[in-house]
Amino acid sequence: VYIVNFRSLQAWRAEGLTLSTSSNEACKMYDAILTQYVKWRNDDSLGGIEGCISAVQAADPNFVMGHVISTGLELVATTSSTRLNERLSSAVRRTVELANSQDITPRERLHVKAMELFSHGVAVHHNLHYPYFYYTGSFTV
């Protein structure tokens, strides 16, 4: 059995990637989501990506990056759009509102902006620390 030690709040900070939450559990489950997404494989022992998203939200319902990843993954994986799916549109708005109401890092703020722009059909590219954007036109869905 392969066991992964997911990054804590302090481990993220040590890598120069501060997360704006006080919850170690939220940070570890955020890392678990990223790990499963990058490996393109659900870890059933963690409840898969969906189970980890639920765990992040339970650990810190206001963790902006938890909202960014859950809403962002849904935007990438869905055949719907924010114009046709009010729940998805509401999730995008909620994430932006949370970000605007908190003192989050500039890197986190850029991730929120990337998720918001992507929801409107703007292509988003990402490097290790910062997303960057260019407009490709809106989705027609």
C-alpha atoms as a PDB file:
ATOM      1  CA  VAL A   1       0.000   0.000   0.000  1.00  0.00           C
ATOM      2  CA  TYR A   2       1.348   3.392  -1.047  1.00  0.00           C
ATOM      3  CA  ILE A   3       0.799   6.044   1.614  1.00  0.00           C
ATOM      4  CA  VAL A   4       1.191   9.716   0.796  1.00  0.00           C
ATOM      5  CA  ASN A   5       1.853  12.324   3.438  1.00  0.00           C
ATOM      6  CA  PHE A   6      -0.102  15.338   2.307  1.00  0.00           C
ATOM      7  CA  ARG A   7       1.253  18.821   2.945  1.00  0.00           C
ATOM      8  CA  SER A   8       0.199  20.652   6.087  1.00  0.00           C
ATOM      9  CA  LEU A   9      -0.275  24.397   6.452  1.00  0.00           C
ATOM     10  CA  GLN A  10       3.350  24.717   7.534  1.00  0.00           C
ATOM     11  CA  ALA A  11       4.636  22.558   4.652  1.00  0.00           C
ATOM     12  CA  TRP A  12       2.811  24.733   2.110  1.00  0.00           C
ATOM     13  CA  ARG A  13       4.258  27.829   3.771  1.00  0.00           C
ATOM     14  CA  ALA A  14       7.772  26.323   3.747  1.00  0.00           C
ATOM     15  CA  GLU A  15       7.471  25.899  -0.036  1.00  0.00           C
ATOM     16  CA  GLY A  16       6.568  29.581  -0.385  1.00  0.00           C
ATOM     17  CA  LEU A  17       2.941  28.729  -1.174  1.00  0.00           C
ATOM     18  CA  THR A  18       1.051  30.141   1.782  1.00  0.00           C
ATOM     19  CA  LEU A  19      -2.601  29.104   1.966  1.00  0.00           C
ATOM     20  CA  SER A  20      -5.067  31.438   3.672  1.00  0.00           C
ATOM     21  CA  THR A  21      -6.609  29.054   6.164  1.00  0.00           C
ATOM     22  CA  SER A  22      -5.790  28.036   9.713  1.00  0.00           C
ATOM     23  CA  SER A  23      -6.896  24.443   9.094  1.00  0.00           C
ATOM     24  CA  ASN A  24      -4.210  21.811   8.653  1.00  0.00           C
ATOM     25  CA  GLU A  25      -6.888  19.346   7.571  1.00  0.00           C
ATOM     26  CA  ALA A  26      -8.097  21.687   4.824  1.00  0.00           C
ATOM     27  CA  CYS A  27      -4.509  22.067   3.567  1.00  0.00           C
ATOM     28  CA  LYS A  28      -3.914  18.318   3.559  1.00  0.00           C
ATOM     29  CA  MET A  29      -7.169  17.564   1.761  1.00  0.00           C
ATOM     30  CA  TYR A  30      -6.428  20.342  -0.754  1.00  0.00           C
ATOM     31  CA  ASP A  31      -3.108  18.598  -1.432  1.00  0.00           C
ATOM     32  CA  ALA A  32      -4.935  15.260  -1.705  1.00  0.00           C
ATOM     33  CA  ILE A  33      -7.231  16.729  -4.362  1.00  0.00           C
ATOM     34  CA  LEU A  34      -4.258  18.083  -6.311  1.00  0.00           C
ATOM     35  CA  THR A  35      -2.411  14.767  -6.027  1.00  0.00           C
ATOM     36  CA  GLN A  36      -5.361  12.757  -7.319  1.00  0.00           C
ATOM     37  CA  TYR A  37      -6.001  15.212 -10.135  1.00  0.00           C
ATOM     38  CA  VAL A  38      -2.355  15.207 -11.272  1.00  0.00           C
ATOM     39  CA  LYS A  39      -2.189  11.401 -11.080  1.00  0.00           C
ATOM     40  CA  TRP A  40      -5.572  11.195 -12.833  1.00  0.00           C
ATOM     41  CA  ARG A  41      -6.619   8.595 -10.283  1.00  0.00           C
ATOM     42  CA  ASN A  42      -9.090   8.680  -7.410  1.00  0.00           C
ATOM     43  CA  ASP A  43      -7.781   7.362  -4.116  1.00  0.00           C
ATOM     44  CA  ASP A  44     -10.720   5.345  -2.782  1.00  0.00           C
ATOM     45  CA  SER A  45      -9.229   5.307   0.727  1.00  0.00           C
ATOM     46  CA  LEU A  46      -9.763   9.100   0.780  1.00  0.00           C
ATOM     47  CA  GLY A  47     -13.179   8.991  -0.852  1.00  0.00           C
ATOM     48  CA  GLY A  48     -11.717  10.139  -4.157  1.00  0.00           C
ATOM     49  CA  ILE A  49     -11.646  13.740  -5.242  1.00  0.00           C
ATOM     50  CA  GLU A  50     -15.294  14.236  -4.268  1.00  0.00           C
ATOM     51  CA  GLY A  51     -14.663  12.918  -0.765  1.00  0.00           C
ATOM     52  CA  CYS A  52     -11.666  15.209  -0.366  1.00  0.00           C
ATOM     53  CA  ILE A  53     -13.658  18.211  -1.607  1.00  0.00           C
ATOM     54  CA  SER A  54     -16.275  17.448   1.055  1.00  0.00           C
ATOM     55  CA  ALA A  55     -13.515  17.101   3.663  1.00  0.00           C
ATOM     56  CA  VAL A  56     -11.964  20.465   2.685  1.00  0.00           C
ATOM     57  CA  GLN A  57     -15.339  22.176   2.949  1.00  0.00           C
ATOM     58  CA  ALA A  58     -16.027  20.546   6.325  1.00  0.00           C
ATOM     59  CA  ALA A  59     -12.581  21.499   7.673  1.00  0.00           C
ATOM     60  CA  ASP A  60     -12.870  25.147   6.563  1.00  0.00           C
ATOM     61  CA  PRO A  61     -16.027  26.227   4.719  1.00  0.00           C
ATOM     62  CA  ASN A  62     -14.415  29.604   3.932  1.00  0.00           C
ATOM     63  CA  PHE A  63     -11.101  28.289   2.562  1.00  0.00           C
ATOM     64  CA  VAL A  64     -10.900  30.194  -0.717  1.00  0.00           C
ATOM     65  CA  MET A  65      -8.507  27.786  -2.440  1.00  0.00           C
ATOM     66  CA  GLY A  66     -10.805  24.910  -1.485  1.00  0.00           C
ATOM     67  CA  HIS A  67     -13.583  26.702  -3.364  1.00  0.00           C
ATOM     68  CA  VAL A  68     -11.265  27.533  -6.259  1.00  0.00           C
ATOM     69  CA  ILE A  69     -10.266  23.908  -6.781  1.00  0.00           C
ATOM     70  CA  SER A  70     -13.729  22.420  -6.331  1.00  0.00           C
ATOM     71  CA  THR A  71     -15.413  24.960  -8.622  1.00  0.00           C
ATOM     72  CA  GLY A  72     -12.490  24.962 -11.054  1.00  0.00           C
ATOM     73  CA  LEU A  73     -12.531  21.190 -11.408  1.00  0.00           C
ATOM     74  CA  GLU A  74     -16.257  21.253 -12.017  1.00  0.00           C
ATOM     75  CA  LEU A  75     -15.810  23.922 -14.690  1.00  0.00           C
ATOM     76  CA  VAL A  76     -13.159  21.822 -16.414  1.00  0.00           C
ATOM     77  CA  ALA A  77     -15.086  18.562 -16.146  1.00  0.00           C
ATOM     78  CA  THR A  78     -18.617  19.653 -16.952  1.00  0.00           C
ATOM     79  CA  THR A  79     -20.467  19.817 -20.229  1.00  0.00           C
ATOM     80  CA  SER A  80     -22.532  22.654 -18.811  1.00  0.00           C
ATOM     81  CA  SER A  81     -21.721  26.322 -18.503  1.00  0.00           C
ATOM     82  CA  THR A  82     -22.337  29.036 -15.960  1.00  0.00           C
ATOM     83  CA  ARG A  83     -24.904  30.513 -18.360  1.00  0.00           C
ATOM     84  CA  LEU A  84     -26.970  27.314 -18.291  1.00  0.00           C
ATOM     85  CA  ASN A  85     -26.256  26.030 -14.794  1.00  0.00           C
ATOM     86  CA  GLU A  86     -27.274  28.432 -12.020  1.00  0.00           C
ATOM     87  CA  ARG A  87     -25.734  26.256  -9.291  1.00  0.00           C
ATOM     88  CA  LEU A  88     -22.352  26.360 -11.050  1.00  0.00           C
ATOM     89  CA  SER A  89     -22.705  30.092 -11.671  1.00  0.00           C
ATOM     90  CA  SER A  90     -23.527  30.566  -7.995  1.00  0.00           C
ATOM     91  CA  ALA A  91     -20.429  28.584  -6.975  1.00  0.00           C
ATOM     92  CA  VAL A  92     -18.257  30.891  -9.080  1.00  0.00           C
ATOM     93  CA  ARG A  93     -19.889  33.992  -7.547  1.00  0.00           C
ATOM     94  CA  ARG A  94     -19.547  32.569  -4.023  1.00  0.00           C
ATOM     95  CA  THR A  95     -15.829  31.915  -4.560  1.00  0.00           C
ATOM     96  CA  VAL A  96     -15.265  35.460  -5.828  1.00  0.00           C
ATOM     97  CA  GLU A  97     -17.267  36.907  -2.916  1.00  0.00           C
ATOM     98  CA  LEU A  98     -15.264  34.864  -0.405  1.00  0.00           C
ATOM     99  CA  ALA A  99     -12.019  36.051  -1.960  1.00  0.00           C
ATOM    100  CA  ASN A 100     -13.144  39.673  -1.872  1.00  0.00           C
ATOM    101  CA  SER A 101     -14.091  39.408   1.795  1.00  0.00           C
ATOM    102  CA  GLN A 102     -10.775  37.942   2.974  1.00  0.00           C
ATOM    103  CA  ASP A 103      -7.142  38.944   3.190  1.00  0.00           C
ATOM    104  CA  ILE A 104      -5.753  36.280   0.852  1.00  0.00           C
ATOM    105  CA  THR A 105      -2.389  36.189  -0.879  1.00  0.00           C
ATOM    106  CA  PRO A 106      -1.855  37.734  -4.326  1.00  0.00           C
ATOM    107  CA  ARG A 107      -1.227  34.204  -5.692  1.00  0.00           C
ATOM    108  CA  GLU A 108      -4.549  32.991  -4.312  1.00  0.00           C
ATOM    109  CA  ARG A 109      -6.286  36.078  -5.715  1.00  0.00           C
ATOM    110  CA  LEU A 110      -4.885  35.238  -9.165  1.00  0.00           C
ATOM    111  CA  HIS A 111      -6.241  31.692  -8.870  1.00  0.00           C
ATOM    112  CA  VAL A 112      -9.682  33.102  -8.066  1.00  0.00           C
ATOM    113  CA  LYS A 113      -9.445  35.391 -11.091  1.00  0.00           C
ATOM    114  CA  ALA A 114      -8.333  32.480 -13.287  1.00  0.00           C
ATOM    115  CA  MET A 115     -11.312  30.393 -12.173  1.00  0.00           C
ATOM    116  CA  GLU A 116     -13.684  33.314 -12.737  1.00  0.00           C
ATOM    117  CA  LEU A 117     -12.269  34.082 -16.201  1.00  0.00           C
ATOM    118  CA  PHE A 118     -12.341  30.420 -17.174  1.00  0.00           C
ATOM    119  CA  SER A 119     -16.028  30.343 -16.240  1.00  0.00           C
ATOM    120  CA  HIS A 120     -16.517  33.046 -18.905  1.00  0.00           C
ATOM    121  CA  GLY A 121     -14.541  31.246 -21.607  1.00  0.00           C
ATOM    122  CA  VAL A 122     -11.097  32.754 -21.155  1.00  0.00           C
ATOM    123  CA  ALA A 123      -8.224  30.277 -21.536  1.00  0.00           C
ATOM    124  CA  VAL A 124      -6.029  30.113 -18.448  1.00  0.00           C
ATOM    125  CA  HIS A 125      -2.462  28.872 -18.369  1.00  0.00           C
ATOM    126  CA  HIS A 126      -0.562  28.186 -15.195  1.00  0.00           C
ATOM    127  CA  ASN A 127       3.003  28.032 -14.047  1.00  0.00           C
ATOM    128  CA  LEU A 128       4.205  26.844 -10.651  1.00  0.00           C
ATOM    129  CA  HIS A 129       3.199  29.964  -8.758  1.00  0.00           C
ATOM    130  CA  TYR A 130       0.869  32.083 -10.884  1.00  0.00           C
ATOM    131  CA  PRO A 131      -1.843  31.565 -13.451  1.00  0.00           C
ATOM    132  CA  TYR A 132      -1.848  33.830 -16.489  1.00  0.00           C
ATOM    133  CA  PHE A 133      -4.614  34.487 -18.941  1.00  0.00           C
ATOM    134  CA  TYR A 134      -5.445  35.184 -22.541  1.00  0.00           C
ATOM    135  CA  TYR A 135      -8.816  35.559 -24.185  1.00  0.00           C
ATOM    136  CA  THR A 136      -9.920  32.909 -26.656  1.00  0.00           C
ATOM    137  CA  GLY A 137     -13.574  33.825 -26.992  1.00  0.00           C
ATOM    138  CA  SER A 138     -16.562  32.610 -25.051  1.00  0.00           C
ATOM    139  CA  PHE A 139     -17.921  29.102 -24.906  1.00  0.00           C
ATOM    140  CA  THR A 140     -21.043  28.502 -26.941  1.00  0.00           C
ATOM    141  CA  VAL A 141     -22.560  25.897 -24.655  1.00  0.00           C
END
